[in-house]
């Protein structure tokens, strides 16, 4: 039901199964052999694997985390993975501890930045959470020097709360 989120150019596919296991094992060759997708080296970043393991643990402990977990950002026309995206968890799992709010993040690999993918992902996640789960409030944490993500927040109407958590400025969008 929640495996795929589709945008104009992208498919946001839950990362699980054999490809997830290969990534967790750090086995590039296996990951590439079990997937028809083009997997850039950036997907094997030393910081991503521990993050993926942590997100897998969330899902294993509580299956309600599954639709909110890590997704590969796939450029549909080419089959290339251009980044990753995820929610922090179901509503309530966010930097402000707001019970009714969902927070998401994304990473676009260097070679694919500046093409509007981040905005497309953010819009898709907003729509998905609203449509599938009735979420009307969203949180976004952005490092102060991340100009592109700050611009995405501005385009989508996020408001700076003035709060800083873990080195990120916290923004909110209320779609009520």
C-alpha atoms as a PDB file:
ATOM      1  CA  UNK A   1       0.000   0.000   0.000  1.00  0.00           C
ATOM      2  CA  UNK A   2       2.743   2.483   0.929  1.00  0.00           C
ATOM      3  CA  UNK A   3       5.669   0.955  -0.982  1.00  0.00           C
ATOM      4  CA  UNK A   4       5.776   3.567  -3.725  1.00  0.00           C
ATOM      5  CA  UNK A   5       5.328   7.328  -3.837  1.00  0.00           C
ATOM      6  CA  UNK A   6       5.254   8.650  -7.406  1.00  0.00           C
ATOM      7  CA  UNK A   7       6.048  12.166  -8.614  1.00  0.00           C
ATOM      8  CA  UNK A   8       6.351  13.622 -12.092  1.00  0.00           C
ATOM      9  CA  UNK A   9       9.943  12.378 -12.510  1.00  0.00           C
ATOM     10  CA  UNK A  10      10.683  10.280  -9.442  1.00  0.00           C
ATOM     11  CA  UNK A  11       9.701   7.069  -7.719  1.00  0.00           C
ATOM     12  CA  UNK A  12      10.282   7.038  -3.957  1.00  0.00           C
ATOM     13  CA  UNK A  13      10.708   3.336  -3.191  1.00  0.00           C
ATOM     14  CA  UNK A  14      10.916   1.847   0.307  1.00  0.00           C
ATOM     15  CA  UNK A  15      14.409   0.471   0.854  1.00  0.00           C
ATOM     16  CA  UNK A  16      14.027  -3.092   2.091  1.00  0.00           C
ATOM     17  CA  UNK A  17      14.643  -6.705   1.144  1.00  0.00           C
ATOM     18  CA  UNK A  18      17.813  -8.006  -0.532  1.00  0.00           C
ATOM     19  CA  UNK A  19      19.118  -4.597  -1.570  1.00  0.00           C
ATOM     20  CA  UNK A  20      18.767  -3.268   1.976  1.00  0.00           C
ATOM     21  CA  UNK A  21      20.521  -6.337   3.368  1.00  0.00           C
ATOM     22  CA  UNK A  22      23.386  -5.934   0.886  1.00  0.00           C
ATOM     23  CA  UNK A  23      23.771  -2.253   1.782  1.00  0.00           C
ATOM     24  CA  UNK A  24      23.744  -3.069   5.495  1.00  0.00           C
ATOM     25  CA  UNK A  25      26.465  -5.668   4.875  1.00  0.00           C
ATOM     26  CA  UNK A  26      28.495  -3.083   2.956  1.00  0.00           C
ATOM     27  CA  UNK A  27      28.535  -5.359  -0.090  1.00  0.00           C
ATOM     28  CA  UNK A  28      28.465  -3.097  -3.164  1.00  0.00           C
ATOM     29  CA  UNK A  29      28.715  -5.947  -5.653  1.00  0.00           C
ATOM     30  CA  UNK A  30      25.807  -7.835  -4.082  1.00  0.00           C
ATOM     31  CA  UNK A  31      23.670  -4.673  -3.821  1.00  0.00           C
ATOM     32  CA  UNK A  32      24.235  -3.976  -7.493  1.00  0.00           C
ATOM     33  CA  UNK A  33      23.587  -7.598  -8.480  1.00  0.00           C
ATOM     34  CA  UNK A  34      20.237  -7.849  -6.660  1.00  0.00           C
ATOM     35  CA  UNK A  35      18.922  -4.602  -8.133  1.00  0.00           C
ATOM     36  CA  UNK A  36      18.161  -3.506 -11.676  1.00  0.00           C
ATOM     37  CA  UNK A  37      18.729   0.074 -10.517  1.00  0.00           C
ATOM     38  CA  UNK A  38      21.872   2.124 -11.026  1.00  0.00           C
ATOM     39  CA  UNK A  39      23.298   2.560  -7.533  1.00  0.00           C
ATOM     40  CA  UNK A  40      25.785   5.461  -7.288  1.00  0.00           C
ATOM     41  CA  UNK A  41      28.789   5.135  -4.972  1.00  0.00           C
ATOM     42  CA  UNK A  42      27.254   7.852  -2.777  1.00  0.00           C
ATOM     43  CA  UNK A  43      24.682   5.296  -1.629  1.00  0.00           C
ATOM     44  CA  UNK A  44      27.483   3.380   0.079  1.00  0.00           C
ATOM     45  CA  UNK A  45      28.618   6.366   2.161  1.00  0.00           C
ATOM     46  CA  UNK A  46      30.061   5.395   5.548  1.00  0.00           C
ATOM     47  CA  UNK A  47      27.490   7.592   7.318  1.00  0.00           C
ATOM     48  CA  UNK A  48      24.509   6.155   5.434  1.00  0.00           C
ATOM     49  CA  UNK A  49      24.928   2.512   6.465  1.00  0.00           C
ATOM     50  CA  UNK A  50      24.679   3.172  10.254  1.00  0.00           C
ATOM     51  CA  UNK A  51      21.696   5.447   9.585  1.00  0.00           C
ATOM     52  CA  UNK A  52      20.038   2.710   7.520  1.00  0.00           C
ATOM     53  CA  UNK A  53      20.710   0.187  10.291  1.00  0.00           C
ATOM     54  CA  UNK A  54      19.101   2.515  12.847  1.00  0.00           C
ATOM     55  CA  UNK A  55      16.029   2.991  10.603  1.00  0.00           C
ATOM     56  CA  UNK A  56      15.798  -0.805  10.089  1.00  0.00           C
ATOM     57  CA  UNK A  57      15.833  -1.245  13.872  1.00  0.00           C
ATOM     58  CA  UNK A  58      12.906   1.197  14.176  1.00  0.00           C
ATOM     59  CA  UNK A  59      10.836  -0.851  11.708  1.00  0.00           C
ATOM     60  CA  UNK A  60      11.824  -4.155  13.330  1.00  0.00           C
ATOM     61  CA  UNK A  61      10.724  -2.850  16.755  1.00  0.00           C
ATOM     62  CA  UNK A  62       7.506  -1.230  15.509  1.00  0.00           C
ATOM     63  CA  UNK A  63       6.036  -2.065  12.098  1.00  0.00           C
ATOM     64  CA  UNK A  64       4.089   1.231  12.069  1.00  0.00           C
ATOM     65  CA  UNK A  65       7.433   2.890  11.169  1.00  0.00           C
ATOM     66  CA  UNK A  66       7.588   1.047   7.821  1.00  0.00           C
ATOM     67  CA  UNK A  67       5.846   3.571   5.510  1.00  0.00           C
ATOM     68  CA  UNK A  68       7.875   6.346   7.146  1.00  0.00           C
ATOM     69  CA  UNK A  69      11.238   4.646   6.660  1.00  0.00           C
ATOM     70  CA  UNK A  70      14.087   5.099   4.147  1.00  0.00           C
ATOM     71  CA  UNK A  71      13.233   5.389   0.477  1.00  0.00           C
ATOM     72  CA  UNK A  72      15.468   5.335  -2.552  1.00  0.00           C
ATOM     73  CA  UNK A  73      14.868   8.333  -4.797  1.00  0.00           C
ATOM     74  CA  UNK A  74      14.759   6.844  -8.273  1.00  0.00           C
ATOM     75  CA  UNK A  75      14.878   8.911 -11.454  1.00  0.00           C
ATOM     76  CA  UNK A  76      12.208   6.945 -13.287  1.00  0.00           C
ATOM     77  CA  UNK A  77      13.383   7.511 -16.884  1.00  0.00           C
ATOM     78  CA  UNK A  78      16.937   6.314 -16.284  1.00  0.00           C
ATOM     79  CA  UNK A  79      16.657   3.895 -13.346  1.00  0.00           C
ATOM     80  CA  UNK A  80      19.335   5.875 -11.485  1.00  0.00           C
ATOM     81  CA  UNK A  81      19.118   6.340  -7.723  1.00  0.00           C
ATOM     82  CA  UNK A  82      19.686  10.092  -7.212  1.00  0.00           C
ATOM     83  CA  UNK A  83      19.265  10.224  -3.445  1.00  0.00           C
ATOM     84  CA  UNK A  84      17.444   8.991  -0.373  1.00  0.00           C
ATOM     85  CA  UNK A  85      14.523  10.342   1.632  1.00  0.00           C
ATOM     86  CA  UNK A  86      12.696   9.411   4.803  1.00  0.00           C
ATOM     87  CA  UNK A  87      10.414  10.604   7.536  1.00  0.00           C
ATOM     88  CA  UNK A  88      11.819  10.672  11.061  1.00  0.00           C
ATOM     89  CA  UNK A  89       8.979   8.311  11.911  1.00  0.00           C
ATOM     90  CA  UNK A  90       5.213   8.453  12.271  1.00  0.00           C
ATOM     91  CA  UNK A  91       3.630  11.702  13.501  1.00  0.00           C
ATOM     92  CA  UNK A  92       5.062  12.623  16.886  1.00  0.00           C
ATOM     93  CA  UNK A  93       8.600  11.522  16.007  1.00  0.00           C
ATOM     94  CA  UNK A  94      10.085  14.920  15.196  1.00  0.00           C
ATOM     95  CA  UNK A  95      12.456  17.570  16.523  1.00  0.00           C
ATOM     96  CA  UNK A  96       9.686  19.455  18.341  1.00  0.00           C
ATOM     97  CA  UNK A  97       7.945  16.387  19.823  1.00  0.00           C
ATOM     98  CA  UNK A  98       4.673  17.646  18.315  1.00  0.00           C
ATOM     99  CA  UNK A  99       2.261  14.724  18.591  1.00  0.00           C
ATOM    100  CA  UNK A 100       0.486  15.486  15.335  1.00  0.00           C
ATOM    101  CA  UNK A 101       3.460  16.537  13.171  1.00  0.00           C
ATOM    102  CA  UNK A 102       5.606  14.561  10.748  1.00  0.00           C
ATOM    103  CA  UNK A 103       9.209  15.473   9.939  1.00  0.00           C
ATOM    104  CA  UNK A 104      11.091  14.370   6.862  1.00  0.00           C
ATOM    105  CA  UNK A 105      14.521  14.706   5.337  1.00  0.00           C
ATOM    106  CA  UNK A 106      16.258  13.921   2.086  1.00  0.00           C
ATOM    107  CA  UNK A 107      19.697  13.717   0.563  1.00  0.00           C
ATOM    108  CA  UNK A 108      20.303  14.351  -3.110  1.00  0.00           C
ATOM    109  CA  UNK A 109      23.639  13.011  -4.360  1.00  0.00           C
ATOM    110  CA  UNK A 110      26.084  15.659  -5.589  1.00  0.00           C
ATOM    111  CA  UNK A 111      25.787  14.840  -9.307  1.00  0.00           C
ATOM    112  CA  UNK A 112      22.002  15.360  -9.213  1.00  0.00           C
ATOM    113  CA  UNK A 113      21.649  18.559  -7.184  1.00  0.00           C
ATOM    114  CA  UNK A 114      20.156  21.732  -8.602  1.00  0.00           C
ATOM    115  CA  UNK A 115      17.462  19.961 -10.642  1.00  0.00           C
ATOM    116  CA  UNK A 116      14.477  20.499  -8.330  1.00  0.00           C
ATOM    117  CA  UNK A 117      14.442  16.948  -6.962  1.00  0.00           C
ATOM    118  CA  UNK A 118      14.394  18.103  -3.319  1.00  0.00           C
ATOM    119  CA  UNK A 119      11.298  20.232  -3.896  1.00  0.00           C
ATOM    120  CA  UNK A 120       9.644  17.372  -5.761  1.00  0.00           C
ATOM    121  CA  UNK A 121      10.388  14.966  -2.889  1.00  0.00           C
ATOM    122  CA  UNK A 122       9.153  17.418  -0.245  1.00  0.00           C
ATOM    123  CA  UNK A 123       5.886  18.011  -2.125  1.00  0.00           C
ATOM    124  CA  UNK A 124       5.406  14.266  -2.573  1.00  0.00           C
ATOM    125  CA  UNK A 125       6.023  13.580   1.120  1.00  0.00           C
ATOM    126  CA  UNK A 126       3.611  16.338   2.161  1.00  0.00           C
ATOM    127  CA  UNK A 127       0.945  14.899  -0.137  1.00  0.00           C
ATOM    128  CA  UNK A 128       1.589  11.307   0.957  1.00  0.00           C
ATOM    129  CA  UNK A 129       1.358  12.064   4.680  1.00  0.00           C
ATOM    130  CA  UNK A 130      -1.767  14.188   4.237  1.00  0.00           C
ATOM    131  CA  UNK A 131      -3.542  11.748   1.909  1.00  0.00           C
ATOM    132  CA  UNK A 132      -2.610   8.453   3.575  1.00  0.00           C
ATOM    133  CA  UNK A 133      -2.437   9.477   7.241  1.00  0.00           C
ATOM    134  CA  UNK A 134      -4.280  12.805   7.590  1.00  0.00           C
ATOM    135  CA  UNK A 135      -1.148  14.670   8.708  1.00  0.00           C
ATOM    136  CA  UNK A 136      -1.607  18.444   8.597  1.00  0.00           C
ATOM    137  CA  UNK A 137       1.503  19.688  10.380  1.00  0.00           C
ATOM    138  CA  UNK A 138       5.078  19.224   9.217  1.00  0.00           C
ATOM    139  CA  UNK A 139       8.486  19.901  10.720  1.00  0.00           C
ATOM    140  CA  UNK A 140      11.691  20.538   8.797  1.00  0.00           C
ATOM    141  CA  UNK A 141      15.159  20.783  10.318  1.00  0.00           C
ATOM    142  CA  UNK A 142      17.805  22.435   8.134  1.00  0.00           C
ATOM    143  CA  UNK A 143      21.425  23.320   8.847  1.00  0.00           C
ATOM    144  CA  UNK A 144      21.830  27.122   8.640  1.00  0.00           C
ATOM    145  CA  UNK A 145      24.372  26.836   5.791  1.00  0.00           C
ATOM    146  CA  UNK A 146      22.194  24.554   3.613  1.00  0.00           C
ATOM    147  CA  UNK A 147      20.932  27.200   1.190  1.00  0.00           C
ATOM    148  CA  UNK A 148      19.170  24.795  -1.205  1.00  0.00           C
ATOM    149  CA  UNK A 149      17.082  23.193   1.553  1.00  0.00           C
ATOM    150  CA  UNK A 150      16.318  26.582   3.065  1.00  0.00           C
ATOM    151  CA  UNK A 151      14.989  27.625  -0.366  1.00  0.00           C
ATOM    152  CA  UNK A 152      12.832  24.485  -0.554  1.00  0.00           C
ATOM    153  CA  UNK A 153      11.316  25.371   2.825  1.00  0.00           C
ATOM    154  CA  UNK A 154      10.677  28.922   1.666  1.00  0.00           C
ATOM    155  CA  UNK A 155       9.021  27.762  -1.583  1.00  0.00           C
ATOM    156  CA  UNK A 156       6.712  25.422   0.334  1.00  0.00           C
ATOM    157  CA  UNK A 157       5.751  27.964   2.990  1.00  0.00           C
ATOM    158  CA  UNK A 158       7.586  26.560   6.014  1.00  0.00           C
ATOM    159  CA  UNK A 159       7.986  29.129   8.803  1.00  0.00           C
ATOM    160  CA  UNK A 160      11.174  29.457  10.861  1.00  0.00           C
ATOM    161  CA  UNK A 161      10.334  28.772  14.522  1.00  0.00           C
ATOM    162  CA  UNK A 162      13.532  30.336  15.851  1.00  0.00           C
ATOM    163  CA  UNK A 163      14.357  27.011  17.517  1.00  0.00           C
ATOM    164  CA  UNK A 164      17.646  25.226  16.858  1.00  0.00           C
ATOM    165  CA  UNK A 165      17.898  21.471  17.509  1.00  0.00           C
ATOM    166  CA  UNK A 166      21.019  19.409  16.837  1.00  0.00           C
ATOM    167  CA  UNK A 167      22.499  22.311  14.883  1.00  0.00           C
ATOM    168  CA  UNK A 168      19.473  22.663  12.612  1.00  0.00           C
ATOM    169  CA  UNK A 169      16.991  25.525  12.336  1.00  0.00           C
ATOM    170  CA  UNK A 170      13.497  24.163  12.889  1.00  0.00           C
ATOM    171  CA  UNK A 171      10.694  25.135  10.519  1.00  0.00           C
ATOM    172  CA  UNK A 172       6.996  24.317  10.650  1.00  0.00           C
ATOM    173  CA  UNK A 173       4.284  24.102   8.022  1.00  0.00           C
ATOM    174  CA  UNK A 174       0.656  23.956   9.157  1.00  0.00           C
ATOM    175  CA  UNK A 175      -1.675  22.740   6.394  1.00  0.00           C
ATOM    176  CA  UNK A 176      -4.866  22.847   8.518  1.00  0.00           C
END
